[in-house]
């Protein structure tokens, strides 16, 4: 999931000016404070989502915010610092879809060159509750694997994960 890269200018420790510095030849440029020498590492952002199965159908959500507003995605979102990744996935399913599910396994971890988000995709089983679209969602539903709206998916990683899942079903 693409998010803008912020252009940080000031040290979060002392307020000094950050400069782009090559600390080691094989590493990317790092933001270093010109006053206190604090190195401000820009870490990847972690997102967790799940392919929720209910009687062989898969849960998809239609995004009601940018990026990719109006496109379909898996329920999920950013993991908060200190939060257990599986719990983040289950929290997003509750918040976005109003249902309870349980994690049954890990589908995979997806990342791309130049993208700041690393996506963890779990497999989950529907437990209980009625579908209710959360505030960031305009539509929601369970889809047969054959009905997945491939042309209308929000993110490349989502499409790759769903293809991996469908290939797993066939084997």
Protein backbone atom coordinates (compact mmCIF):
# COMPACT_ATOMS: atom_id res chain seq x y z
CA UNK A 1 0.00 0.00 0.00
CA UNK A 2 1.62 3.22 -1.15
CA UNK A 3 1.87 6.15 1.21
CA UNK A 4 3.69 9.39 0.62
CA UNK A 5 7.26 9.53 1.88
CA UNK A 6 7.56 12.46 4.26
CA UNK A 7 10.36 14.94 3.78
CA UNK A 8 11.71 15.20 7.34
CA UNK A 9 13.87 18.27 7.96
CA UNK A 10 14.45 18.47 11.73
CA UNK A 11 15.93 16.12 14.30
CA UNK A 12 13.25 14.60 16.60
CA UNK A 13 15.82 14.57 19.46
CA UNK A 14 17.31 18.08 19.48
CA UNK A 15 15.58 19.99 16.67
CA UNK A 16 18.79 20.35 14.65
CA UNK A 17 18.79 20.18 10.86
CA UNK A 18 18.76 16.74 9.24
CA UNK A 19 21.12 16.12 6.33
CA UNK A 20 21.27 13.20 3.89
CA UNK A 21 24.51 11.36 4.52
CA UNK A 22 26.08 8.19 3.08
CA UNK A 23 27.15 6.39 6.28
CA UNK A 24 28.27 3.16 4.59
CA UNK A 25 28.98 2.60 0.89
CA UNK A 26 26.47 -0.26 0.46
CA UNK A 27 23.58 1.48 2.29
CA UNK A 28 21.07 4.11 1.14
CA UNK A 29 21.40 7.74 2.23
CA UNK A 30 20.49 8.25 5.90
CA UNK A 31 19.06 11.32 7.61
CA UNK A 32 21.64 12.48 10.17
CA UNK A 33 21.36 15.43 12.57
CA UNK A 34 24.04 18.05 11.88
CA UNK A 35 24.04 18.98 15.61
CA UNK A 36 23.75 15.81 17.73
CA UNK A 37 24.57 13.17 15.03
CA UNK A 38 21.31 11.25 15.71
CA UNK A 39 20.57 8.93 12.78
CA UNK A 40 16.86 9.10 11.80
CA UNK A 41 16.16 5.72 10.17
CA UNK A 42 13.09 5.68 7.92
CA UNK A 43 11.73 2.23 8.66
CA UNK A 44 9.19 0.35 6.55
CA UNK A 45 5.53 0.60 7.52
CA UNK A 46 3.88 -2.68 8.45
CA UNK A 47 0.33 -3.49 7.33
CA UNK A 48 -1.65 -6.59 8.25
CA UNK A 49 -4.66 -7.98 6.43
CA UNK A 50 -6.51 -11.24 6.13
CA UNK A 51 -8.29 -13.40 3.63
CA UNK A 52 -11.40 -14.24 5.65
CA UNK A 53 -13.16 -17.42 4.56
CA UNK A 54 -16.87 -18.02 5.16
CA UNK A 55 -18.20 -21.20 3.52
CA UNK A 56 -15.61 -20.91 0.74
CA UNK A 57 -16.33 -17.23 0.04
CA UNK A 58 -13.76 -14.47 0.63
CA UNK A 59 -14.31 -11.12 2.34
CA UNK A 60 -13.50 -7.98 0.34
CA UNK A 61 -13.98 -4.33 1.27
CA UNK A 62 -14.48 -1.36 -1.06
CA UNK A 63 -12.31 1.58 0.02
CA UNK A 64 -14.03 4.87 0.79
CA UNK A 65 -10.82 6.88 1.16
CA UNK A 66 -7.71 7.58 -0.84
CA UNK A 67 -5.44 6.10 -1.97
CA UNK A 68 -7.46 3.96 -4.41
CA UNK A 69 -10.91 5.10 -3.30
CA UNK A 70 -13.68 2.95 -4.83
CA UNK A 71 -11.38 -0.05 -5.34
CA UNK A 72 -11.66 -3.42 -3.58
CA UNK A 73 -9.16 -4.58 -0.96
CA UNK A 74 -8.72 -7.12 1.78
CA UNK A 75 -9.74 -5.97 5.26
CA UNK A 76 -6.61 -4.66 6.93
CA UNK A 77 -4.48 -1.70 7.80
CA UNK A 78 -1.39 -0.42 9.55
CA UNK A 79 -0.02 -2.19 12.61
CA UNK A 80 0.44 0.14 15.58
CA UNK A 81 3.85 0.20 17.27
CA UNK A 82 3.80 -2.41 20.05
CA UNK A 83 0.72 -4.16 18.67
CA UNK A 84 0.75 -7.91 17.94
CA UNK A 85 0.49 -8.28 14.15
CA UNK A 86 -2.24 -10.96 14.24
CA UNK A 87 -4.26 -8.80 16.64
CA UNK A 88 -3.93 -5.83 14.27
CA UNK A 89 -5.41 -7.94 11.46
CA UNK A 90 -8.33 -9.06 13.65
CA UNK A 91 -8.88 -5.48 14.91
CA UNK A 92 -9.09 -4.21 11.32
CA UNK A 93 -11.60 -6.96 10.43
CA UNK A 94 -13.78 -5.86 13.39
CA UNK A 95 -13.44 -2.13 12.62
CA UNK A 96 -13.94 -2.36 8.86
CA UNK A 97 -16.45 -5.22 8.68
CA UNK A 98 -18.14 -5.57 12.07
CA UNK A 99 -17.43 -9.30 12.32
CA UNK A 100 -15.29 -11.59 14.42
CA UNK A 101 -12.80 -13.97 12.82
CA UNK A 102 -9.90 -16.16 13.89
CA UNK A 103 -6.48 -16.42 12.29
CA UNK A 104 -5.86 -19.91 10.89
CA UNK A 105 -2.48 -19.37 9.26
CA UNK A 106 -0.10 -17.12 7.37
CA UNK A 107 -0.46 -16.75 3.60
CA UNK A 108 2.66 -14.67 3.11
CA UNK A 109 4.65 -11.46 3.46
CA UNK A 110 4.64 -9.09 0.48
CA UNK A 111 7.00 -6.22 -0.29
CA UNK A 112 8.15 -4.31 -3.37
CA UNK A 113 11.22 -2.30 -4.28
CA UNK A 114 10.66 1.38 -3.56
CA UNK A 115 7.44 0.83 -1.60
CA UNK A 116 7.40 1.79 2.06
CA UNK A 117 4.77 -0.74 3.16
CA UNK A 118 5.40 -4.40 3.99
CA UNK A 119 2.15 -6.39 3.89
CA UNK A 120 1.51 -9.43 6.07
CA UNK A 121 -1.43 -11.50 4.79
CA UNK A 122 -3.09 -13.98 7.12
CA UNK A 123 -5.67 -16.67 6.49
CA UNK A 124 -8.71 -16.35 8.72
CA UNK A 125 -12.01 -18.06 9.37
CA UNK A 126 -15.30 -16.20 9.90
CA UNK A 127 -16.64 -16.70 13.43
CA UNK A 128 -19.66 -14.48 14.04
CA UNK A 129 -21.42 -11.18 13.41
CA UNK A 130 -23.23 -9.36 10.62
CA UNK A 131 -21.31 -7.45 7.96
CA UNK A 132 -21.35 -3.73 8.71
CA UNK A 133 -19.18 -1.42 6.61
CA UNK A 134 -16.89 0.72 8.79
CA UNK A 135 -16.35 4.44 8.24
CA UNK A 136 -13.52 3.93 5.72
CA UNK A 137 -15.53 1.39 3.69
CA UNK A 138 -18.27 2.07 1.11
CA UNK A 139 -19.20 -1.55 0.35
CA UNK A 140 -18.41 -5.00 1.66
CA UNK A 141 -19.13 -8.58 0.77
CA UNK A 142 -18.17 -12.23 0.55
CA UNK A 143 -17.07 -13.29 -2.94
CA UNK A 144 -16.68 -16.67 -4.58
CA UNK A 145 -13.04 -17.01 -5.67
CA UNK A 146 -14.33 -17.01 -9.29
CA UNK A 147 -16.07 -13.65 -8.67
CA UNK A 148 -13.04 -11.70 -7.41
CA UNK A 149 -13.08 -8.30 -9.21
CA UNK A 150 -9.48 -8.58 -10.47
CA UNK A 151 -9.70 -5.39 -12.58
CA UNK A 152 -11.01 -3.42 -9.61
CA UNK A 153 -8.54 -4.34 -6.86
CA UNK A 154 -6.91 -1.45 -4.99
CA UNK A 155 -3.37 -2.74 -4.62
CA UNK A 156 -0.92 -4.91 -6.52
CA UNK A 157 -0.02 -6.77 -3.31
CA UNK A 158 -3.68 -7.61 -2.73
CA UNK A 159 -3.95 -9.09 -6.22
CA UNK A 160 -0.75 -11.13 -5.77
CA UNK A 161 -1.93 -12.44 -2.37
CA UNK A 162 -5.36 -13.39 -3.75
CA UNK A 163 -3.72 -15.17 -6.71
CA UNK A 164 -1.45 -17.06 -4.29
CA UNK A 165 -4.53 -18.04 -2.28
CA UNK A 166 -6.51 -19.17 -5.36
CA UNK A 167 -3.51 -21.21 -6.58
CA UNK A 168 -3.37 -22.85 -3.16
CA UNK A 169 -7.05 -23.78 -3.47
CA UNK A 170 -6.41 -25.48 -6.82
CA UNK A 171 -3.45 -27.59 -5.63
